[in-house]
C-alpha atoms as a PDB file:
ATOM      1  CA  MET A   1     -82.089 -19.422  32.130  1.00  0.00           C
ATOM      2  CA  ALA A   2     -80.296 -22.403  30.386  1.00  0.00           C
ATOM      3  CA  THR A   3     -77.469 -21.661  27.863  1.00  0.00           C
ATOM      4  CA  ALA A   4     -76.483 -24.161  25.177  1.00  0.00           C
ATOM      5  CA  GLY A   5     -73.648 -26.352  26.388  1.00  0.00           C
ATOM      6  CA  ALA A   6     -74.425 -25.669  30.187  1.00  0.00           C
ATOM      7  CA  GLY A   7     -73.907 -29.287  30.930  1.00  0.00           C
ATOM      8  CA  VAL A   8     -70.165 -29.290  29.695  1.00  0.00           C
ATOM      9  CA  THR A   9     -67.838 -28.957  32.610  1.00  0.00           C
ATOM     10  CA  ALA A  10     -64.273 -27.809  32.713  1.00  0.00           C
ATOM     11  CA  GLY A  11     -63.256 -31.468  33.622  1.00  0.00           C
ATOM     12  CA  ARG A  12     -64.922 -32.898  30.683  1.00  0.00           C
ATOM     13  CA  VAL A  13     -63.118 -30.275  28.245  1.00  0.00           C
ATOM     14  CA  LEU A  14     -59.707 -31.519  29.864  1.00  0.00           C
ATOM     15  CA  LEU A  15     -60.658 -35.217  29.511  1.00  0.00           C
ATOM     16  CA  TYR A  16     -61.569 -34.530  25.672  1.00  0.00           C
ATOM     17  CA  GLY A  17     -58.442 -32.454  25.105  1.00  0.00           C
ATOM     18  CA  ALA A  18     -56.050 -35.073  26.914  1.00  0.00           C
ATOM     19  CA  ALA A  19     -57.789 -37.968  24.679  1.00  0.00           C
ATOM     20  CA  LEU A  20     -57.291 -35.804  21.475  1.00  0.00           C
ATOM     21  CA  ALA A  21     -53.636 -35.144  22.650  1.00  0.00           C
ATOM     22  CA  LEU A  22     -52.848 -38.869  23.253  1.00  0.00           C
ATOM     23  CA  GLY A  23     -54.398 -39.779  19.644  1.00  0.00           C
ATOM     24  CA  VAL A  24     -52.239 -37.253  17.928  1.00  0.00           C
ATOM     25  CA  LEU A  25     -49.236 -38.454  20.026  1.00  0.00           C
ATOM     26  CA  ALA A  26     -49.996 -42.054  18.881  1.00  0.00           C
ATOM     27  CA  LEU A  27     -50.151 -41.001  15.159  1.00  0.00           C
ATOM     28  CA  GLU A  28     -47.008 -39.074  15.467  1.00  0.00           C
ATOM     29  CA  TRP A  29     -45.273 -41.950  17.070  1.00  0.00           C
ATOM     30  CA  VAL A  30     -46.460 -44.384  14.198  1.00  0.00           C
ATOM     31  CA  ASP A  31     -45.288 -41.833  11.813  1.00  0.00           C
ATOM     32  CA  TYR A  32     -41.790 -41.442  13.529  1.00  0.00           C
ATOM     33  CA  LYS A  33     -41.470 -45.150  13.598  1.00  0.00           C
ATOM     34  CA  ARG A  34     -42.265 -45.557   9.664  1.00  0.00           C
ATOM     35  CA  MET A  35     -39.776 -42.748   8.992  1.00  0.00           C
ATOM     36  CA  ALA A  36     -37.102 -44.353  10.945  1.00  0.00           C
ATOM     37  CA  ARG A  37     -37.429 -47.490   9.301  1.00  0.00           C
ATOM     38  CA  THR A  38     -37.548 -46.072   5.813  1.00  0.00           C
ATOM     39  CA  ARG A  39     -34.844 -43.515   6.217  1.00  0.00           C
ATOM     40  CA  SER A  40     -32.340 -45.617   7.960  1.00  0.00           C
ATOM     41  CA  THR A  41     -30.615 -46.592   4.759  1.00  0.00           C
ATOM     42  CA  ASP A  42     -30.466 -42.819   3.896  1.00  0.00           C
ATOM     43  CA  LEU A  43     -28.640 -42.237   7.153  1.00  0.00           C
ATOM     44  CA  ALA A  44     -26.250 -44.991   6.561  1.00  0.00           C
ATOM     45  CA  VAL A  45     -25.580 -43.772   2.973  1.00  0.00           C
ATOM     46  CA  GLY A  46     -24.985 -40.275   4.400  1.00  0.00           C
ATOM     47  CA  LEU A  47     -22.536 -41.575   6.991  1.00  0.00           C
ATOM     48  CA  VAL A  48     -20.454 -43.423   4.402  1.00  0.00           C
ATOM     49  CA  ALA A  49     -20.496 -40.252   2.158  1.00  0.00           C
ATOM     50  CA  VAL A  50     -18.965 -38.145   4.973  1.00  0.00           C
ATOM     51  CA  GLY A  51     -16.585 -40.674   5.642  1.00  0.00           C
ATOM     52  CA  PHE A  52     -15.161 -40.821   2.034  1.00  0.00           C
ATOM     53  CA  LEU A  53     -15.210 -36.982   2.146  1.00  0.00           C
ATOM     54  CA  ALA A  54     -13.185 -36.869   5.056  1.00  0.00           C
ATOM     55  CA  LEU A  55     -10.843 -39.768   3.544  1.00  0.00           C
ATOM     56  CA  GLY A  56     -10.574 -37.737   0.144  1.00  0.00           C
ATOM     57  CA  LEU A  57      -9.545 -34.451   2.028  1.00  0.00           C
ATOM     58  CA  PHE A  58      -7.050 -36.275   4.016  1.00  0.00           C
ATOM     59  CA  ALA A  59      -5.491 -38.101   1.074  1.00  0.00           C
ATOM     60  CA  GLY A  60      -5.607 -34.829  -0.811  1.00  0.00           C
ATOM     61  CA  TRP A  61      -3.783 -32.840   1.838  1.00  0.00           C
ATOM     62  CA  ARG A  62      -1.201 -35.661   2.404  1.00  0.00           C
ATOM     63  CA  LEU A  63      -0.451 -36.058  -1.372  1.00  0.00           C
ATOM     64  CA  PHE A  64      -0.709 -32.526  -2.636  1.00  0.00           C
ATOM     65  CA  GLY A  65      -0.437 -30.457   0.345  1.00  0.00           C
ATOM     66  CA  ARG A  66       3.213 -30.402   0.804  1.00  0.00           C
ATOM     67  CA  GLN A  67       4.590 -29.815  -2.506  1.00  0.00           C
ATOM     68  CA  PRO A  68       7.702 -27.810  -2.554  1.00  0.00           C
ATOM     69  CA  PRO A  69       7.320 -24.313  -4.020  1.00  0.00           C
ATOM     70  CA  ARG A  70       7.887 -24.018  -7.685  1.00  0.00           C
ATOM     71  CA  ALA A  71       9.763 -21.289  -9.307  1.00  0.00           C
ATOM     72  CA  GLU A  72       7.386 -19.151 -11.034  1.00  0.00           C
ATOM     73  CA  GLY A  73       7.558 -18.976 -14.730  1.00  0.00           C
ATOM     74  CA  ASN A  74      10.666 -19.674 -16.766  1.00  0.00           C
ATOM     75  CA  PRO A  75      13.512 -17.361 -15.522  1.00  0.00           C
ATOM     76  CA  ALA A  76      15.704 -18.145 -18.445  1.00  0.00           C
ATOM     77  CA  ALA A  77      13.161 -17.034 -20.828  1.00  0.00           C
ATOM     78  CA  VAL A  78      12.550 -13.982 -18.838  1.00  0.00           C
ATOM     79  CA  ALA A  79      16.270 -13.078 -18.614  1.00  0.00           C
ATOM     80  CA  THR A  80      16.906 -13.800 -22.238  1.00  0.00           C
ATOM     81  CA  LEU A  81      13.986 -11.647 -23.484  1.00  0.00           C
ATOM     82  CA  GLY A  82      14.998  -8.931 -21.052  1.00  0.00           C
ATOM     83  CA  ILE A  83      11.476  -8.665 -19.739  1.00  0.00           C
ATOM     84  CA  SER A  84      11.527  -6.606 -16.264  1.00  0.00           C
ATOM     85  CA  ARG A  85       9.763  -7.411 -13.078  1.00  0.00           C
ATOM     86  CA  ARG A  86       6.931  -4.819 -13.808  1.00  0.00           C
ATOM     87  CA  GLN A  87       6.726  -6.026 -17.333  1.00  0.00           C
ATOM     88  CA  LEU A  88       6.065  -9.497 -16.000  1.00  0.00           C
ATOM     89  CA  GLU A  89       3.376  -8.121 -13.706  1.00  0.00           C
ATOM     90  CA  VAL A  90       1.760  -6.332 -16.527  1.00  0.00           C
ATOM     91  CA  LEU A  91       1.872  -9.588 -18.482  1.00  0.00           C
ATOM     92  CA  ARG A  92       0.166 -11.572 -15.864  1.00  0.00           C
ATOM     93  CA  THR A  93      -2.520  -8.943 -15.456  1.00  0.00           C
ATOM     94  CA  LEU A  94      -2.995  -9.022 -19.303  1.00  0.00           C
ATOM     95  CA  ALA A  95      -3.362 -12.833 -19.103  1.00  0.00           C
ATOM     96  CA  ALA A  96      -5.964 -12.210 -16.436  1.00  0.00           C
ATOM     97  CA  GLY A  97      -8.037 -10.269 -19.143  1.00  0.00           C
ATOM     98  CA  GLN A  98      -7.677  -6.837 -17.398  1.00  0.00           C
ATOM     99  CA  THR A  99      -7.836  -3.600 -19.419  1.00  0.00           C
ATOM    100  CA  ASN A 100      -5.120  -1.001 -19.389  1.00  0.00           C
ATOM    101  CA  LYS A 101      -7.168   1.068 -16.916  1.00  0.00           C
ATOM    102  CA  GLU A 102      -7.626  -1.926 -14.691  1.00  0.00           C
ATOM    103  CA  ILE A 103      -4.035  -2.769 -14.825  1.00  0.00           C
ATOM    104  CA  ALA A 104      -3.121   0.882 -14.036  1.00  0.00           C
ATOM    105  CA  ARG A 105      -5.340   0.696 -10.829  1.00  0.00           C
ATOM    106  CA  THR A 106      -3.980  -2.770  -9.929  1.00  0.00           C
ATOM    107  CA  LEU A 107      -0.510  -1.740 -10.174  1.00  0.00           C
ATOM    108  CA  ASP A 108      -0.886   1.813  -9.129  1.00  0.00           C
ATOM    109  CA  VAL A 109       0.590   3.493 -12.258  1.00  0.00           C
ATOM    110  CA  SER A 110      -0.732   5.698 -14.965  1.00  0.00           C
ATOM    111  CA  PRO A 111      -2.518   4.135 -18.141  1.00  0.00           C
ATOM    112  CA  ASN A 112       0.319   5.662 -20.218  1.00  0.00           C
ATOM    113  CA  THR A 113       2.810   3.703 -18.236  1.00  0.00           C
ATOM    114  CA  VAL A 114       0.617   0.434 -18.940  1.00  0.00           C
ATOM    115  CA  LYS A 115       0.446   1.256 -22.541  1.00  0.00           C
ATOM    116  CA  THR A 116       4.477   1.717 -22.580  1.00  0.00           C
ATOM    117  CA  HIS A 117       5.043  -1.486 -20.906  1.00  0.00           C
ATOM    118  CA  VAL A 118       2.446  -3.417 -23.109  1.00  0.00           C
ATOM    119  CA  ALA A 119       4.184  -1.826 -26.301  1.00  0.00           C
ATOM    120  CA  ARG A 120       7.608  -3.176 -24.929  1.00  0.00           C
ATOM    121  CA  LEU A 121       6.063  -6.754 -24.100  1.00  0.00           C
ATOM    122  CA  TYR A 122       4.845  -6.686 -27.655  1.00  0.00           C
ATOM    123  CA  GLU A 123       8.371  -6.111 -28.940  1.00  0.00           C
ATOM    124  CA  LYS A 124      10.111  -8.525 -26.748  1.00  0.00           C
ATOM    125  CA  LEU A 125       7.385 -11.308 -27.395  1.00  0.00           C
ATOM    126  CA  ASP A 126       7.044 -10.591 -30.955  1.00  0.00           C
ATOM    127  CA  ALA A 127       3.375 -10.217 -30.685  1.00  0.00           C
ATOM    128  CA  ARG A 128       0.686  -7.889 -32.370  1.00  0.00           C
ATOM    129  CA  ARG A 129      -1.944  -8.164 -29.834  1.00  0.00           C
ATOM    130  CA  ARG A 130      -2.737  -9.018 -26.074  1.00  0.00           C
ATOM    131  CA  THR A 131      -3.753 -12.571 -27.049  1.00  0.00           C
ATOM    132  CA  ASP A 132      -0.599 -13.092 -29.240  1.00  0.00           C
ATOM    133  CA  ALA A 133       1.614 -11.937 -26.266  1.00  0.00           C
ATOM    134  CA  VAL A 134      -0.052 -14.062 -23.704  1.00  0.00           C
ATOM    135  CA  VAL A 135      -0.006 -17.121 -25.902  1.00  0.00           C
ATOM    136  CA  ARG A 136       3.624 -16.723 -26.737  1.00  0.00           C
ATOM    137  CA  ALA A 137       4.316 -16.163 -23.089  1.00  0.00           C
ATOM    138  CA  ARG A 138       2.600 -19.398 -22.188  1.00  0.00           C
ATOM    139  CA  ALA A 139       4.584 -21.286 -24.996  1.00  0.00           C
ATOM    140  CA  LEU A 140       7.858 -20.052 -23.515  1.00  0.00           C
ATOM    141  CA  GLY A 141       6.724 -21.152 -19.918  1.00  0.00           C
ATOM    142  CA  ILE A 142       6.585 -17.395 -18.730  1.00  0.00           C
ATOM    143  CA  LEU A 143       2.989 -17.828 -17.744  1.00  0.00           C
ATOM    144  CA  PRO A 144       1.224 -20.911 -16.436  1.00  0.00           C
END
């Protein structure tokens, strides 16, 4: 009894498989060569960009990395207005946009204590609202 394809041997299958593999390899090699030619400019531009990035980081570190520490705020204005250390912390958190409850959690005090500090800051900075207090503190150099 004969079957369809009985004349195909294992050797022939391997031969055809090897021929197909060589054909695919040749096509991939051509594609690789084309890509290497067209992408060489991209590679050069990328290397130049990485070089400039490294140069910029180095120059920035050299120019700005070793600045002497600045005194925070305006100590003379803080002393003149009689703003305490804790009130200054509350003022910084006000400038960050935190609510009284958030300030209380951040500084680990009660919300009523925060209200008292805020009220005293309003008096000392001659402000009516949070934004007024922050603007006035920035104008005096107390806040950056």
